[in-house]
Amino acid sequence: MVREFRDSGLSGRQFCQGQGVSPSMLYRSLRRAASGEIERRDGLVAVELTSRKPGREADSCGLAVVLAGGRTITVSAGFDGVTLRRLVQALERM
């Protein structure tokens, strides 16, 4: 998010409105990046694509994210993006 903001050329308020995040979240991330608290990475994340198994549509999800430590977030197809964004924001504060 920090890199996207810096590359955007937008004000903090404009960027946050476009991304649907609170300004406090952006500014907290900027402070953490400046202090070195956020590990600098090349921006690449490992992704594994899996095929849908026949007959499993009822339990399939639209998206599954496996976090460090084995935690998994799954959302069904057609999920509410606003709710997911609020969940991610809450998890980032932890």
C-alpha atoms as a PDB file:
ATOM      1  CA  MET A   1       0.000   0.000   0.000  1.00  0.00           C
ATOM      2  CA  VAL A   2       2.835   2.378   0.826  1.00  0.00           C
ATOM      3  CA  ARG A   3       4.484   1.818  -2.538  1.00  0.00           C
ATOM      4  CA  GLU A   4       1.170   2.215  -4.374  1.00  0.00           C
ATOM      5  CA  PHE A   5       0.504   5.481  -2.553  1.00  0.00           C
ATOM      6  CA  ARG A   6       3.947   6.897  -3.279  1.00  0.00           C
ATOM      7  CA  ASP A   7       3.684   5.909  -6.950  1.00  0.00           C
ATOM      8  CA  SER A   8       0.153   7.290  -7.310  1.00  0.00           C
ATOM      9  CA  GLY A   9       0.942  11.006  -7.127  1.00  0.00           C
ATOM     10  CA  LEU A  10      -2.315  11.473  -5.203  1.00  0.00           C
ATOM     11  CA  SER A  11      -2.885  13.188  -1.887  1.00  0.00           C
ATOM     12  CA  GLY A  12      -3.379  10.864   1.077  1.00  0.00           C
ATOM     13  CA  ARG A  13      -7.084  11.645   1.138  1.00  0.00           C
ATOM     14  CA  GLN A  14      -7.548  10.974  -2.597  1.00  0.00           C
ATOM     15  CA  PHE A  15      -5.601   7.719  -2.404  1.00  0.00           C
ATOM     16  CA  CYS A  16      -7.567   6.479   0.608  1.00  0.00           C
ATOM     17  CA  GLN A  17     -10.904   7.294  -1.012  1.00  0.00           C
ATOM     18  CA  GLY A  18      -9.909   5.400  -4.153  1.00  0.00           C
ATOM     19  CA  GLN A  19      -8.679   2.393  -2.194  1.00  0.00           C
ATOM     20  CA  GLY A  20     -11.476   2.383   0.376  1.00  0.00           C
ATOM     21  CA  VAL A  21      -9.108   2.591   3.337  1.00  0.00           C
ATOM     22  CA  SER A  22      -8.998   5.037   6.213  1.00  0.00           C
ATOM     23  CA  PRO A  23      -6.337   7.768   6.180  1.00  0.00           C
ATOM     24  CA  SER A  24      -5.167   6.612   9.620  1.00  0.00           C
ATOM     25  CA  MET A  25      -4.374   3.194   8.160  1.00  0.00           C
ATOM     26  CA  LEU A  26      -2.316   4.766   5.368  1.00  0.00           C
ATOM     27  CA  TYR A  27      -0.425   7.107   7.690  1.00  0.00           C
ATOM     28  CA  ARG A  28       0.258   4.303  10.170  1.00  0.00           C
ATOM     29  CA  SER A  29       1.686   2.236   7.309  1.00  0.00           C
ATOM     30  CA  LEU A  30       3.833   5.171   6.176  1.00  0.00           C
ATOM     31  CA  ARG A  31       5.223   5.605   9.709  1.00  0.00           C
ATOM     32  CA  ARG A  32       5.956   1.890   9.992  1.00  0.00           C
ATOM     33  CA  ALA A  33       7.719   1.883   6.621  1.00  0.00           C
ATOM     34  CA  ALA A  34       9.815   4.931   7.556  1.00  0.00           C
ATOM     35  CA  SER A  35      10.868   3.343  10.841  1.00  0.00           C
ATOM     36  CA  GLY A  36      11.857   0.108   9.123  1.00  0.00           C
ATOM     37  CA  GLU A  37       9.184  -1.819  10.996  1.00  0.00           C
ATOM     38  CA  ILE A  38       7.704  -3.035   7.713  1.00  0.00           C
ATOM     39  CA  GLU A  39      10.045  -5.453   6.011  1.00  0.00           C
ATOM     40  CA  ARG A  40      10.952  -4.281   2.552  1.00  0.00           C
ATOM     41  CA  ARG A  41      10.125  -6.878  -0.069  1.00  0.00           C
ATOM     42  CA  ASP A  42      10.147  -7.027  -3.822  1.00  0.00           C
ATOM     43  CA  GLY A  43       6.349  -7.087  -3.902  1.00  0.00           C
ATOM     44  CA  LEU A  44       6.013 -10.679  -5.072  1.00  0.00           C
ATOM     45  CA  VAL A  45       3.818 -13.137  -3.230  1.00  0.00           C
ATOM     46  CA  ALA A  46       3.639 -16.881  -3.841  1.00  0.00           C
ATOM     47  CA  VAL A  47       0.301 -17.901  -5.361  1.00  0.00           C
ATOM     48  CA  GLU A  48      -1.010 -21.387  -5.932  1.00  0.00           C
ATOM     49  CA  LEU A  49      -3.861 -21.910  -8.393  1.00  0.00           C
ATOM     50  CA  THR A  50      -6.033 -24.939  -7.906  1.00  0.00           C
ATOM     51  CA  SER A  51      -8.723 -26.394 -10.101  1.00  0.00           C
ATOM     52  CA  ARG A  52     -12.283 -26.892  -8.949  1.00  0.00           C
ATOM     53  CA  LYS A  53     -13.129 -30.513  -8.254  1.00  0.00           C
ATOM     54  CA  PRO A  54     -16.288 -31.818  -9.931  1.00  0.00           C
ATOM     55  CA  GLY A  55     -19.264 -32.069  -7.572  1.00  0.00           C
ATOM     56  CA  ARG A  56     -17.716 -29.765  -4.936  1.00  0.00           C
ATOM     57  CA  GLU A  57     -19.382 -26.488  -5.994  1.00  0.00           C
ATOM     58  CA  ALA A  58     -21.352 -26.287  -2.737  1.00  0.00           C
ATOM     59  CA  ASP A  59     -18.231 -26.130  -0.563  1.00  0.00           C
ATOM     60  CA  SER A  60     -15.994 -24.267  -2.954  1.00  0.00           C
ATOM     61  CA  CYS A  61     -14.909 -20.746  -2.241  1.00  0.00           C
ATOM     62  CA  GLY A  62     -14.210 -17.822  -4.488  1.00  0.00           C
ATOM     63  CA  LEU A  63     -10.921 -17.057  -2.814  1.00  0.00           C
ATOM     64  CA  ALA A  64      -8.711 -18.597  -0.151  1.00  0.00           C
ATOM     65  CA  VAL A  65      -5.738 -16.822   1.429  1.00  0.00           C
ATOM     66  CA  VAL A  66      -3.342 -18.814   3.592  1.00  0.00           C
ATOM     67  CA  LEU A  67      -1.418 -16.574   5.974  1.00  0.00           C
ATOM     68  CA  ALA A  68       1.842 -17.182   7.794  1.00  0.00           C
ATOM     69  CA  GLY A  69       1.249 -19.553  10.677  1.00  0.00           C
ATOM     70  CA  GLY A  70      -1.370 -21.490   8.725  1.00  0.00           C
ATOM     71  CA  ARG A  71      -4.316 -19.141   9.216  1.00  0.00           C
ATOM     72  CA  THR A  72      -6.714 -19.199   6.288  1.00  0.00           C
ATOM     73  CA  ILE A  73      -9.274 -16.675   5.090  1.00  0.00           C
ATOM     74  CA  THR A  74     -11.856 -17.976   2.613  1.00  0.00           C
ATOM     75  CA  VAL A  75     -14.642 -16.081   0.935  1.00  0.00           C
ATOM     76  CA  SER A  76     -17.333 -17.422  -1.352  1.00  0.00           C
ATOM     77  CA  ALA A  77     -17.791 -16.362  -4.935  1.00  0.00           C
ATOM     78  CA  GLY A  78     -19.692 -13.091  -5.088  1.00  0.00           C
ATOM     79  CA  PHE A  79     -18.447 -12.004  -1.642  1.00  0.00           C
ATOM     80  CA  ASP A  80     -19.018  -8.525  -0.250  1.00  0.00           C
ATOM     81  CA  GLY A  81     -15.783  -6.630  -0.885  1.00  0.00           C
ATOM     82  CA  VAL A  82     -16.533  -3.958   1.725  1.00  0.00           C
ATOM     83  CA  THR A  83     -16.855  -6.564   4.473  1.00  0.00           C
ATOM     84  CA  LEU A  84     -13.630  -8.267   3.377  1.00  0.00           C
ATOM     85  CA  ARG A  85     -11.811  -4.911   3.397  1.00  0.00           C
ATOM     86  CA  ARG A  86     -13.006  -4.245   6.969  1.00  0.00           C
ATOM     87  CA  LEU A  87     -11.814  -7.707   8.030  1.00  0.00           C
ATOM     88  CA  VAL A  88      -8.370  -7.119   6.520  1.00  0.00           C
ATOM     89  CA  GLN A  89      -8.131  -3.706   8.206  1.00  0.00           C
ATOM     90  CA  ALA A  90      -9.013  -5.258  11.565  1.00  0.00           C
ATOM     91  CA  LEU A  91      -6.400  -7.979  11.095  1.00  0.00           C
ATOM     92  CA  GLU A  92      -3.738  -5.408  10.176  1.00  0.00           C
ATOM     93  CA  ARG A  93      -4.328  -3.637  13.495  1.00  0.00           C
ATOM     94  CA  MET A  94      -3.573  -6.830  15.434  1.00  0.00           C
END
